[in-house]
Amino acid sequence: PLGQLMAAKLTDRVFFRGQRWEFTLNPGPFNVKEHVLITIFANAGSGL
């Protein structure tokens, strides 16, 4: 729900458009591959 909330509320403005460091805070719907990587971070925290 947090990822879906960020996808709904964060700005989709593109920063540094056309440059090498171009990025956006909101590239679209919260997707499964993002979710997998978040879980990999969580796995690191859950393993003593």
All heavy atoms as atom14 arrays in JSON, in Angstrom:
{
  "sequence": "PLGQLMAAKLTDRVFFRGQRWEFTLNPGPFNVKEHVLITIFANAGSGL",
  "atom14_mask": [
    [1, 1, 1, 1, 1, 1, 1, 0, 0, 0, 0, 0, 0, 0],
    [1, 1, 1, 1, 1, 1, 1, 1, 0, 0, 0, 0, 0, 0],
    [1, 1, 1, 1, 0, 0, 0, 0, 0, 0, 0, 0, 0, 0],
    [1, 1, 1, 1, 1, 1, 1, 1, 1, 0, 0, 0, 0, 0],
    [1, 1, 1, 1, 1, 1, 1, 1, 0, 0, 0, 0, 0, 0],
    [1, 1, 1, 1, 1, 1, 1, 1, 0, 0, 0, 0, 0, 0],
    [1, 1, 1, 1, 1, 0, 0, 0, 0, 0, 0, 0, 0, 0],
    [1, 1, 1, 1, 1, 0, 0, 0, 0, 0, 0, 0, 0, 0],
    [1, 1, 1, 1, 1, 1, 1, 1, 1, 0, 0, 0, 0, 0],
    [1, 1, 1, 1, 1, 1, 1, 1, 0, 0, 0, 0, 0, 0],
    [1, 1, 1, 1, 1, 1, 1, 0, 0, 0, 0, 0, 0, 0],
    [1, 1, 1, 1, 1, 1, 1, 1, 0, 0, 0, 0, 0, 0],
    [1, 1, 1, 1, 1, 1, 1, 1, 1, 1, 1, 0, 0, 0],
    [1, 1, 1, 1, 1, 1, 1, 0, 0, 0, 0, 0, 0, 0],
    [1, 1, 1, 1, 1, 1, 1, 1, 1, 1, 1, 0, 0, 0],
    [1, 1, 1, 1, 1, 1, 1, 1, 1, 1, 1, 0, 0, 0],
    [1, 1, 1, 1, 1, 1, 1, 1, 1, 1, 1, 0, 0, 0],
    [1, 1, 1, 1, 0, 0, 0, 0, 0, 0, 0, 0, 0, 0],
    [1, 1, 1, 1, 1, 1, 1, 1, 1, 0, 0, 0, 0, 0],
    [1, 1, 1, 1, 1, 1, 1, 1, 1, 1, 1, 0, 0, 0],
    [1, 1, 1, 1, 1, 1, 1, 1, 1, 1, 1, 1, 1, 1],
    [1, 1, 1, 1, 1, 1, 1, 1, 1, 0, 0, 0, 0, 0],
    [1, 1, 1, 1, 1, 1, 1, 1, 1, 1, 1, 0, 0, 0],
    [1, 1, 1, 1, 1, 1, 1, 0, 0, 0, 0, 0, 0, 0],
    [1, 1, 1, 1, 1, 1, 1, 1, 0, 0, 0, 0, 0, 0],
    [1, 1, 1, 1, 1, 1, 1, 1, 0, 0, 0, 0, 0, 0],
    [1, 1, 1, 1, 1, 1, 1, 0, 0, 0, 0, 0, 0, 0],
    [1, 1, 1, 1, 0, 0, 0, 0, 0, 0, 0, 0, 0, 0],
    [1, 1, 1, 1, 1, 1, 1, 0, 0, 0, 0, 0, 0, 0],
    [1, 1, 1, 1, 1, 1, 1, 1, 1, 1, 1, 0, 0, 0],
    [1, 1, 1, 1, 1, 1, 1, 1, 0, 0, 0, 0, 0, 0],
    [1, 1, 1, 1, 1, 1, 1, 0, 0, 0, 0, 0, 0, 0],
    [1, 1, 1, 1, 1, 1, 1, 1, 1, 0, 0, 0, 0, 0],
    [1, 1, 1, 1, 1, 1, 1, 1, 1, 0, 0, 0, 0, 0],
    [1, 1, 1, 1, 1, 1, 1, 1, 1, 1, 0, 0, 0, 0],
    [1, 1, 1, 1, 1, 1, 1, 0, 0, 0, 0, 0, 0, 0],
    [1, 1, 1, 1, 1, 1, 1, 1, 0, 0, 0, 0, 0, 0],
    [1, 1, 1, 1, 1, 1, 1, 1, 0, 0, 0, 0, 0, 0],
    [1, 1, 1, 1, 1, 1, 1, 0, 0, 0, 0, 0, 0, 0],
    [1, 1, 1, 1, 1, 1, 1, 1, 0, 0, 0, 0, 0, 0],
    [1, 1, 1, 1, 1, 1, 1, 1, 1, 1, 1, 0, 0, 0],
    [1, 1, 1, 1, 1, 0, 0, 0, 0, 0, 0, 0, 0, 0],
    [1, 1, 1, 1, 1, 1, 1, 1, 0, 0, 0, 0, 0, 0],
    [1, 1, 1, 1, 1, 0, 0, 0, 0, 0, 0, 0, 0, 0],
    [1, 1, 1, 1, 0, 0, 0, 0, 0, 0, 0, 0, 0, 0],
    [1, 1, 1, 1, 1, 1, 0, 0, 0, 0, 0, 0, 0, 0],
    [1, 1, 1, 1, 0, 0, 0, 0, 0, 0, 0, 0, 0, 0],
    [1, 1, 1, 1, 1, 1, 1, 1, 0, 0, 0, 0, 0, 0]
  ],
  "atom14_positions": [
    [[0.82, -1.23, 0.0], [0.0, 0.0, 0.0], [0.84, 1.27, 0.0], [0.43, 2.29, -0.57], [-0.83, -0.13, 1.29], [-0.1, -1.11, 2.14], [0.56, -2.05, 1.2], [0.0, 0.0, 0.0], [0.0, 0.0, 0.0], [0.0, 0.0, 0.0], [0.0, 0.0, 0.0], [0.0, 0.0, 0.0], [0.0, 0.0, 0.0], [0.0, 0.0, 0.0]],
    [[2.03, 1.2, 0.62], [2.9, 2.38, 0.62], [3.42, 2.66, -0.79], [3.46, 3.83, -1.23], [4.07, 2.17, 1.58], [3.71, 2.02, 3.06], [4.95, 1.71, 3.89], [3.04, 3.29, 3.58], [0.0, 0.0, 0.0], [0.0, 0.0, 0.0], [0.0, 0.0, 0.0], [0.0, 0.0, 0.0], [0.0, 0.0, 0.0], [0.0, 0.0, 0.0]],
    [[3.82, 1.61, -1.49], [4.28, 1.79, -2.87], [3.18, 2.3, -3.77], [3.41, 3.19, -4.62], [0.0, 0.0, 0.0], [0.0, 0.0, 0.0], [0.0, 0.0, 0.0], [0.0, 0.0, 0.0], [0.0, 0.0, 0.0], [0.0, 0.0, 0.0], [0.0, 0.0, 0.0], [0.0, 0.0, 0.0], [0.0, 0.0, 0.0], [0.0, 0.0, 0.0]],
    [[1.98, 1.79, -3.61], [0.85, 2.25, -4.41], [0.49, 3.7, -4.07], [0.12, 4.48, -4.96], [-0.34, 1.32, -4.2], [-0.11, -0.08, -4.75], [-1.2, -1.05, -4.36], [-1.97, -0.81, -3.42], [-1.27, -2.18, -5.06], [0.0, 0.0, 0.0], [0.0, 0.0, 0.0], [0.0, 0.0, 0.0], [0.0, 0.0, 0.0], [0.0, 0.0, 0.0]],
    [[0.59, 4.05, -2.79], [0.33, 5.44, -2.39], [1.35, 6.39, -3.01], [0.99, 7.47, -3.5], [0.36, 5.54, -0.86], [0.13, 6.95, -0.28], [-1.29, 7.43, -0.59], [0.36, 6.93, 1.24], [0.0, 0.0, 0.0], [0.0, 0.0, 0.0], [0.0, 0.0, 0.0], [0.0, 0.0, 0.0], [0.0, 0.0, 0.0], [0.0, 0.0, 0.0]],
    [[2.62, 6.01, -3.01], [3.65, 6.85, -3.6], [3.44, 6.98, -5.11], [3.66, 8.05, -5.69], [5.04, 6.28, -3.3], [5.4, 6.3, -1.82], [7.01, 5.55, -1.46], [8.11, 6.82, -2.07], [0.0, 0.0, 0.0], [0.0, 0.0, 0.0], [0.0, 0.0, 0.0], [0.0, 0.0, 0.0], [0.0, 0.0, 0.0], [0.0, 0.0, 0.0]],
    [[3.01, 5.89, -5.74], [2.75, 5.95, -7.18], [1.58, 6.88, -7.5], [1.55, 7.52, -8.56], [2.46, 4.55, -7.71], [0.0, 0.0, 0.0], [0.0, 0.0, 0.0], [0.0, 0.0, 0.0], [0.0, 0.0, 0.0], [0.0, 0.0, 0.0], [0.0, 0.0, 0.0], [0.0, 0.0, 0.0], [0.0, 0.0, 0.0], [0.0, 0.0, 0.0]],
    [[0.63, 6.98, -6.56], [-0.54, 7.83, -6.79], [-0.28, 9.29, -6.45], [-0.87, 10.19, -7.08], [-1.71, 7.3, -5.97], [0.0, 0.0, 0.0], [0.0, 0.0, 0.0], [0.0, 0.0, 0.0], [0.0, 0.0, 0.0], [0.0, 0.0, 0.0], [0.0, 0.0, 0.0], [0.0, 0.0, 0.0], [0.0, 0.0, 0.0], [0.0, 0.0, 0.0]],
    [[0.59, 9.58, -5.49], [0.73, 10.94, -4.96], [2.0, 11.67, -5.38], [2.03, 12.9, -5.42], [0.64, 10.9, -3.43], [-0.68, 10.36, -2.88], [-1.86, 11.22, -3.33], [-3.16, 10.72, -2.74], [-4.32, 11.52, -3.19], [0.0, 0.0, 0.0], [0.0, 0.0, 0.0], [0.0, 0.0, 0.0], [0.0, 0.0, 0.0], [0.0, 0.0, 0.0]],
    [[3.1, 10.93, -5.63], [4.35, 11.6, -5.96], [4.27, 12.25, -7.34], [3.58, 11.76, -8.24], [5.52, 10.61, -5.93], [6.03, 10.16, -4.56], [7.17, 9.17, -4.72], [6.48, 11.35, -3.72], [0.0, 0.0, 0.0], [0.0, 0.0, 0.0], [0.0, 0.0, 0.0], [0.0, 0.0, 0.0], [0.0, 0.0, 0.0], [0.0, 0.0, 0.0]],
    [[5.0, 13.33, -7.5], [5.03, 14.01, -8.79], [5.7, 13.14, -9.84], [6.65, 12.4, -9.54], [5.78, 15.34, -8.67], [5.85, 15.94, -9.97], [7.2, 15.15, -8.14], [0.0, 0.0, 0.0], [0.0, 0.0, 0.0], [0.0, 0.0, 0.0], [0.0, 0.0, 0.0], [0.0, 0.0, 0.0], [0.0, 0.0, 0.0], [0.0, 0.0, 0.0]],
    [[5.21, 13.22, -11.07], [5.83, 12.48, -12.18], [6.75, 13.38, -13.01], [7.13, 13.04, -14.13], [4.77, 11.85, -13.07], [3.82, 12.89, -13.66], [4.0, 14.09, -13.38], [2.9, 12.47, -14.4], [0.0, 0.0, 0.0], [0.0, 0.0, 0.0], [0.0, 0.0, 0.0], [0.0, 0.0, 0.0], [0.0, 0.0, 0.0], [0.0, 0.0, 0.0]],
    [[7.11, 14.53, -12.44], [8.01, 15.46, -13.14], [9.36, 14.79, -13.4], [9.89, 14.08, -12.55], [8.2, 16.7, -12.29], [9.22, 17.69, -12.84], [9.51, 18.79, -11.84], [10.62, 19.63, -12.28], [11.2, 20.55, -11.53], [10.75, 20.77, -10.3], [12.21, 21.28, -12.01], [0.0, 0.0, 0.0], [0.0, 0.0, 0.0], [0.0, 0.0, 0.0]],
    [[9.92, 15.05, -14.59], [11.22, 14.5, -14.97], [12.28, 15.56, -14.68], [12.23, 16.67, -15.22], [11.25, 14.1, -16.45], [12.64, 13.59, -16.82], [10.19, 13.04, -16.74], [0.0, 0.0, 0.0], [0.0, 0.0, 0.0], [0.0, 0.0, 0.0], [0.0, 0.0, 0.0], [0.0, 0.0, 0.0], [0.0, 0.0, 0.0], [0.0, 0.0, 0.0]],
    [[13.23, 15.22, -13.85], [14.32, 16.12, -13.5], [15.5, 15.89, -14.44], [15.78, 14.75, -14.84], [14.76, 15.89, -12.05], [13.68, 16.19, -11.04], [12.79, 15.2, -10.63], [13.55, 17.46, -10.51], [11.8, 15.48, -9.69], [12.56, 17.75, -9.57], [11.69, 16.76, -9.16], [0.0, 0.0, 0.0], [0.0, 0.0, 0.0], [0.0, 0.0, 0.0]],
    [[16.21, 16.97, -14.78], [17.38, 16.91, -15.66], [17.02, 16.25, -16.99], [17.73, 15.36, -17.49], [18.54, 16.16, -14.99], [18.96, 16.74, -13.67], [18.64, 16.08, -12.48], [19.64, 17.94, -13.6], [19.0, 16.6, -11.25], [20.01, 18.48, -12.37], [19.69, 17.81, -11.2], [0.0, 0.0, 0.0], [0.0, 0.0, 0.0], [0.0, 0.0, 0.0]],
    [[15.88, 16.61, -17.55], [15.41, 16.0, -18.79], [16.46, 16.12, -19.9], [17.02, 17.2, -20.13], [14.1, 16.64, -19.24], [13.46, 15.95, -20.45], [12.21, 16.7, -20.89], [11.18, 16.64, -19.87], [10.32, 15.66, -19.75], [10.37, 14.63, -20.6], [9.4, 15.68, -18.8], [0.0, 0.0, 0.0], [0.0, 0.0, 0.0], [0.0, 0.0, 0.0]],
    [[16.69, 15.02, -20.58], [17.62, 15.0, -21.69], [19.07, 14.87, -21.29], [19.95, 14.77, -22.15], [0.0, 0.0, 0.0], [0.0, 0.0, 0.0], [0.0, 0.0, 0.0], [0.0, 0.0, 0.0], [0.0, 0.0, 0.0], [0.0, 0.0, 0.0], [0.0, 0.0, 0.0], [0.0, 0.0, 0.0], [0.0, 0.0, 0.0], [0.0, 0.0, 0.0]],
    [[19.36, 14.89, -20.01], [20.75, 14.78, -19.56], [21.02, 13.36, -19.07], [20.12, 12.53, -18.9], [21.01, 15.79, -18.44], [20.79, 17.25, -18.86], [21.12, 18.21, -17.75], [21.94, 17.94, -16.89], [20.45, 19.38, -17.77], [0.0, 0.0, 0.0], [0.0, 0.0, 0.0], [0.0, 0.0, 0.0], [0.0, 0.0, 0.0], [0.0, 0.0, 0.0]],
    [[22.27, 13.11, -18.76], [22.68, 11.77, -18.33], [22.02, 11.39, -17.01], [21.73, 10.22, -16.77], [24.2, 11.73, -18.19], [24.75, 10.37, -17.79], [26.27, 10.41, -17.69], [26.79, 9.12, -17.28], [28.08, 8.86, -17.05], [28.98, 9.85, -17.22], [28.47, 7.67, -16.66], [0.0, 0.0, 0.0], [0.0, 0.0, 0.0], [0.0, 0.0, 0.0]],
    [[21.77, 12.37, -16.14], [21.23, 12.09, -14.81], [19.71, 12.25, -14.76], [19.13, 12.45, -13.71], [21.88, 13.02, -13.78], [23.37, 12.94, -13.78], [24.25, 13.87, -14.26], [24.15, 11.85, -13.3], [25.53, 13.43, -14.12], [25.51, 12.19, -13.52], [23.86, 10.62, -12.71], [26.56, 11.34, -13.18], [24.9, 9.77, -12.37], [26.22, 10.13, -12.6]],
    [[19.06, 12.15, -15.89], [17.6, 12.3, -15.94], [16.92, 11.26, -15.05], [17.26, 10.07, -15.07], [17.13, 12.13, -17.39], [15.62, 12.15, -17.55], [15.21, 11.94, -18.99], [15.74, 12.66, -19.87], [14.36, 11.07, -19.25], [0.0, 0.0, 0.0], [0.0, 0.0, 0.0], [0.0, 0.0, 0.0], [0.0, 0.0, 0.0], [0.0, 0.0, 0.0]],
    [[15.95, 11.71, -14.25], [15.21, 10.78, -13.41], [13.88, 11.39, -13.01], [13.65, 12.59, -13.16], [16.0, 10.41, -12.15], [16.03, 11.5, -11.1], [15.11, 11.54, -10.06], [16.99, 12.51, -11.16], [15.13, 12.54, -9.11], [17.02, 13.52, -10.2], [16.1, 13.54, -9.17], [0.0, 0.0, 0.0], [0.0, 0.0, 0.0], [0.0, 0.0, 0.0]],
    [[13.0, 10.54, -12.52], [11.71, 10.97, -12.02], [11.4, 10.22, -10.73], [11.81, 9.07, -10.57], [10.58, 10.73, -13.04], [9.33, 11.11, -12.47], [10.5, 9.26, -13.43], [0.0, 0.0, 0.0], [0.0, 0.0, 0.0], [0.0, 0.0, 0.0], [0.0, 0.0, 0.0], [0.0, 0.0, 0.0], [0.0, 0.0, 0.0], [0.0, 0.0, 0.0]],
    [[10.7, 10.89, -9.83], [10.33, 10.24, -8.57], [9.19, 9.24, -8.75], [8.97, 8.38, -7.9], [9.91, 11.3, -7.54], [10.97, 12.31, -7.12], [10.36, 13.32, -6.13], [12.16, 11.61, -6.5], [0.0, 0.0, 0.0], [0.0, 0.0, 0.0], [0.0, 0.0, 0.0], [0.0, 0.0, 0.0], [0.0, 0.0, 0.0], [0.0, 0.0, 0.0]],
    [[8.46, 9.36, -9.87], [7.28, 8.53, -10.07], [7.23, 8.04, -11.52], [6.61, 8.66, -12.37], [6.02, 9.31, -9.72], [4.79, 8.43, -9.65], [4.83, 7.25, -9.97], [3.67, 9.02, -9.25], [0.0, 0.0, 0.0], [0.0, 0.0, 0.0], [0.0, 0.0, 0.0], [0.0, 0.0, 0.0], [0.0, 0.0, 0.0], [0.0, 0.0, 0.0]],
    [[7.88, 6.9, -11.82], [7.91, 6.41, -13.21], [6.66, 5.65, -13.62], [6.63, 5.1, -14.73], [9.13, 5.48, -13.19], [9.17, 4.95, -11.8], [8.7, 6.08, -10.91], [0.0, 0.0, 0.0], [0.0, 0.0, 0.0], [0.0, 0.0, 0.0], [0.0, 0.0, 0.0], [0.0, 0.0, 0.0], [0.0, 0.0, 0.0], [0.0, 0.0, 0.0]],
    [[5.65, 5.56, -12.76], [4.44, 4.84, -13.14], [3.93, 3.98, -12.0], [4.31, 4.17, -10.83], [0.0, 0.0, 0.0], [0.0, 0.0, 0.0], [0.0, 0.0, 0.0], [0.0, 0.0, 0.0], [0.0, 0.0, 0.0], [0.0, 0.0, 0.0], [0.0, 0.0, 0.0], [0.0, 0.0, 0.0], [0.0, 0.0, 0.0], [0.0, 0.0, 0.0]],
    [[3.06, 3.02, -12.3], [2.5, 2.16, -11.25], [3.58, 1.38, -10.5], [4.63, 1.04, -11.06], [1.57, 1.21, -12.03], [1.27, 1.93, -13.3], [2.49, 2.74, -13.61], [0.0, 0.0, 0.0], [0.0, 0.0, 0.0], [0.0, 0.0, 0.0], [0.0, 0.0, 0.0], [0.0, 0.0, 0.0], [0.0, 0.0, 0.0], [0.0, 0.0, 0.0]],
    [[3.32, 1.12, -9.23], [4.22, 0.31, -8.4], [4.24, -1.11, -8.97], [3.2, -1.76, -9.08], [3.72, 0.3, -6.96], [4.6, -0.44, -6.0], [5.89, -0.01, -5.74], [4.13, -1.57, -5.34], [6.7, -0.68, -4.84], [4.93, -2.25, -4.44], [6.22, -1.8, -4.19], [0.0, 0.0, 0.0], [0.0, 0.0, 0.0], [0.0, 0.0, 0.0]],
    [[5.45, -1.6, -9.35], [5.51, -2.87, -10.08], [6.23, -3.96, -9.28], [6.88, -3.69, -8.26], [6.18, -2.68, -11.44], [7.66, -2.31, -11.33], [8.5, -3.13, -11.02], [7.96, -1.02, -11.58], [0.0, 0.0, 0.0], [0.0, 0.0, 0.0], [0.0, 0.0, 0.0], [0.0, 0.0, 0.0], [0.0, 0.0, 0.0], [0.0, 0.0, 0.0]],
    [[6.12, -5.18, -9.75], [6.59, -6.34, -9.01], [8.12, -6.37, -8.88], [8.64, -6.85, -7.88], [6.06, -7.63, -9.66], [6.68, -7.85, -11.04], [6.31, -8.84, -8.77], [0.0, 0.0, 0.0], [0.0, 0.0, 0.0], [0.0, 0.0, 0.0], [0.0, 0.0, 0.0], [0.0, 0.0, 0.0], [0.0, 0.0, 0.0], [0.0, 0.0, 0.0]],
    [[8.85, -5.86, -9.87], [10.31, -5.91, -9.78], [10.84, -4.94, -8.72], [11.82, -5.27, -8.03], [10.93, -5.62, -11.15], [10.65, -6.72, -12.17], [11.47, -6.56, -13.44], [11.17, -7.68, -14.42], [12.0, -7.6, -15.64], [0.0, 0.0, 0.0], [0.0, 0.0, 0.0], [0.0, 0.0, 0.0], [0.0, 0.0, 0.0], [0.0, 0.0, 0.0]],
    [[10.21, -3.77, -8.61], [10.54, -2.9, -7.49], [10.28, -3.63, -6.17], [11.09, -3.57, -5.25], [9.65, -1.65, -7.52], [9.88, -0.67, -8.62], [8.87, 0.47, -8.52], [7.73, 0.29, -8.98], [9.2, 1.52, -7.96], [0.0, 0.0, 0.0], [0.0, 0.0, 0.0], [0.0, 0.0, 0.0], [0.0, 0.0, 0.0], [0.0, 0.0, 0.0]],
    [[9.17, -4.3, -6.11], [8.76, -5.0, -4.9], [9.76, -6.09, -4.54], [10.1, -6.29, -3.36], [7.37, -5.6, -5.11], [6.68, -6.0, -3.85], [5.46, -6.63, -3.83], [7.05, -5.88, -2.54], [5.11, -6.86, -2.58], [6.05, -6.42, -1.78], [0.0, 0.0, 0.0], [0.0, 0.0, 0.0], [0.0, 0.0, 0.0], [0.0, 0.0, 0.0]],
    [[10.27, -6.81, -5.53], [11.27, -7.85, -5.27], [12.53, -7.25, -4.66], [13.08, -7.78, -3.68], [11.61, -8.61, -6.57], [12.79, -9.56, -6.34], [10.4, -9.4, -7.06], [0.0, 0.0, 0.0], [0.0, 0.0, 0.0], [0.0, 0.0, 0.0], [0.0, 0.0, 0.0], [0.0, 0.0, 0.0], [0.0, 0.0, 0.0], [0.0, 0.0, 0.0]],
    [[12.99, -6.14, -5.2], [14.21, -5.53, -4.67], [14.0, -4.99, -3.26], [14.9, -5.08, -2.41], [14.67, -4.39, -5.59], [15.38, -4.82, -6.88], [15.84, -3.6, -7.66], [16.56, -5.73, -6.6], [0.0, 0.0, 0.0], [0.0, 0.0, 0.0], [0.0, 0.0, 0.0], [0.0, 0.0, 0.0], [0.0, 0.0, 0.0], [0.0, 0.0, 0.0]],
    [[12.82, -4.45, -2.98], [12.52, -4.03, -1.61], [12.59, -5.23, -0.67], [13.11, -5.13, 0.45], [11.13, -3.36, -1.54], [11.14, -2.04, -2.33], [10.71, -3.11, -0.1], [9.76, -1.45, -2.53], [0.0, 0.0, 0.0], [0.0, 0.0, 0.0], [0.0, 0.0, 0.0], [0.0, 0.0, 0.0], [0.0, 0.0, 0.0], [0.0, 0.0, 0.0]],
    [[12.08, -6.37, -1.13], [12.12, -7.59, -0.32], [13.55, -8.08, -0.12], [13.89, -8.63, 0.93], [11.26, -8.68, -0.98], [9.94, -8.19, -1.18], [11.21, -9.93, -0.11], [0.0, 0.0, 0.0], [0.0, 0.0, 0.0], [0.0, 0.0, 0.0], [0.0, 0.0, 0.0], [0.0, 0.0, 0.0], [0.0, 0.0, 0.0], [0.0, 0.0, 0.0]],
    [[14.41, -7.88, -1.12], [15.83, -8.24, -0.96], [16.45, -7.4, 0.15], [17.22, -7.91, 0.99], [16.59, -8.04, -2.28], [16.06, -8.99, -3.36], [18.09, -8.26, -2.08], [16.16, -10.45, -3.02], [0.0, 0.0, 0.0], [0.0, 0.0, 0.0], [0.0, 0.0, 0.0], [0.0, 0.0, 0.0], [0.0, 0.0, 0.0], [0.0, 0.0, 0.0]],
    [[16.14, -6.11, 0.19], [16.58, -5.26, 1.3], [16.05, -5.8, 2.62], [16.77, -5.87, 3.63], [16.09, -3.82, 1.09], [16.99, -2.96, 0.28], [16.84, -2.86, -1.1], [18.0, -2.22, 0.87], [17.67, -2.06, -1.86], [18.84, -1.41, 0.13], [18.67, -1.34, -1.25], [0.0, 0.0, 0.0], [0.0, 0.0, 0.0], [0.0, 0.0, 0.0]],
    [[14.76, -6.16, 2.65], [14.16, -6.68, 3.87], [14.81, -7.99, 4.28], [14.99, -8.26, 5.48], [12.65, -6.87, 3.67], [0.0, 0.0, 0.0], [0.0, 0.0, 0.0], [0.0, 0.0, 0.0], [0.0, 0.0, 0.0], [0.0, 0.0, 0.0], [0.0, 0.0, 0.0], [0.0, 0.0, 0.0], [0.0, 0.0, 0.0], [0.0, 0.0, 0.0]],
    [[15.15, -8.84, 3.32], [15.84, -10.09, 3.64], [17.16, -9.83, 4.35], [17.56, -10.57, 5.26], [16.09, -10.9, 2.37], [14.84, -11.59, 1.85], [13.86, -11.74, 2.58], [14.86, -12.01, 0.6], [0.0, 0.0, 0.0], [0.0, 0.0, 0.0], [0.0, 0.0, 0.0], [0.0, 0.0, 0.0], [0.0, 0.0, 0.0], [0.0, 0.0, 0.0]],
    [[17.86, -8.78, 3.91], [19.12, -8.44, 4.57], [18.88, -8.04, 6.02], [19.67, -8.36, 6.91], [19.81, -7.29, 3.81], [0.0, 0.0, 0.0], [0.0, 0.0, 0.0], [0.0, 0.0, 0.0], [0.0, 0.0, 0.0], [0.0, 0.0, 0.0], [0.0, 0.0, 0.0], [0.0, 0.0, 0.0], [0.0, 0.0, 0.0], [0.0, 0.0, 0.0]],
    [[17.77, -7.37, 6.28], [17.47, -6.96, 7.65], [16.91, -8.06, 8.51], [17.06, -8.03, 9.74], [0.0, 0.0, 0.0], [0.0, 0.0, 0.0], [0.0, 0.0, 0.0], [0.0, 0.0, 0.0], [0.0, 0.0, 0.0], [0.0, 0.0, 0.0], [0.0, 0.0, 0.0], [0.0, 0.0, 0.0], [0.0, 0.0, 0.0], [0.0, 0.0, 0.0]],
    [[16.27, -9.06, 7.89], [15.65, -10.12, 8.69], [16.61, -11.24, 9.03], [16.34, -12.05, 9.92], [14.44, -10.71, 7.94], [14.85, -11.33, 6.73], [0.0, 0.0, 0.0], [0.0, 0.0, 0.0], [0.0, 0.0, 0.0], [0.0, 0.0, 0.0], [0.0, 0.0, 0.0], [0.0, 0.0, 0.0], [0.0, 0.0, 0.0], [0.0, 0.0, 0.0]],
    [[17.75, -11.31, 8.33], [18.74, -12.34, 8.65], [19.69, -11.83, 9.72], [20.39, -10.84, 9.55], [0.0, 0.0, 0.0], [0.0, 0.0, 0.0], [0.0, 0.0, 0.0], [0.0, 0.0, 0.0], [0.0, 0.0, 0.0], [0.0, 0.0, 0.0], [0.0, 0.0, 0.0], [0.0, 0.0, 0.0], [0.0, 0.0, 0.0], [0.0, 0.0, 0.0]],
    [[19.72, -12.51, 10.86], [20.55, -12.05, 11.98], [22.02, -11.98, 11.59], [22.53, -12.81, 10.83], [20.38, -12.99, 13.17], [19.0, -12.98, 13.84], [18.94, -14.02, 14.95], [18.68, -11.61, 14.4], [0.0, 0.0, 0.0], [0.0, 0.0, 0.0], [0.0, 0.0, 0.0], [0.0, 0.0, 0.0], [0.0, 0.0, 0.0], [0.0, 0.0, 0.0]]
  ]
}
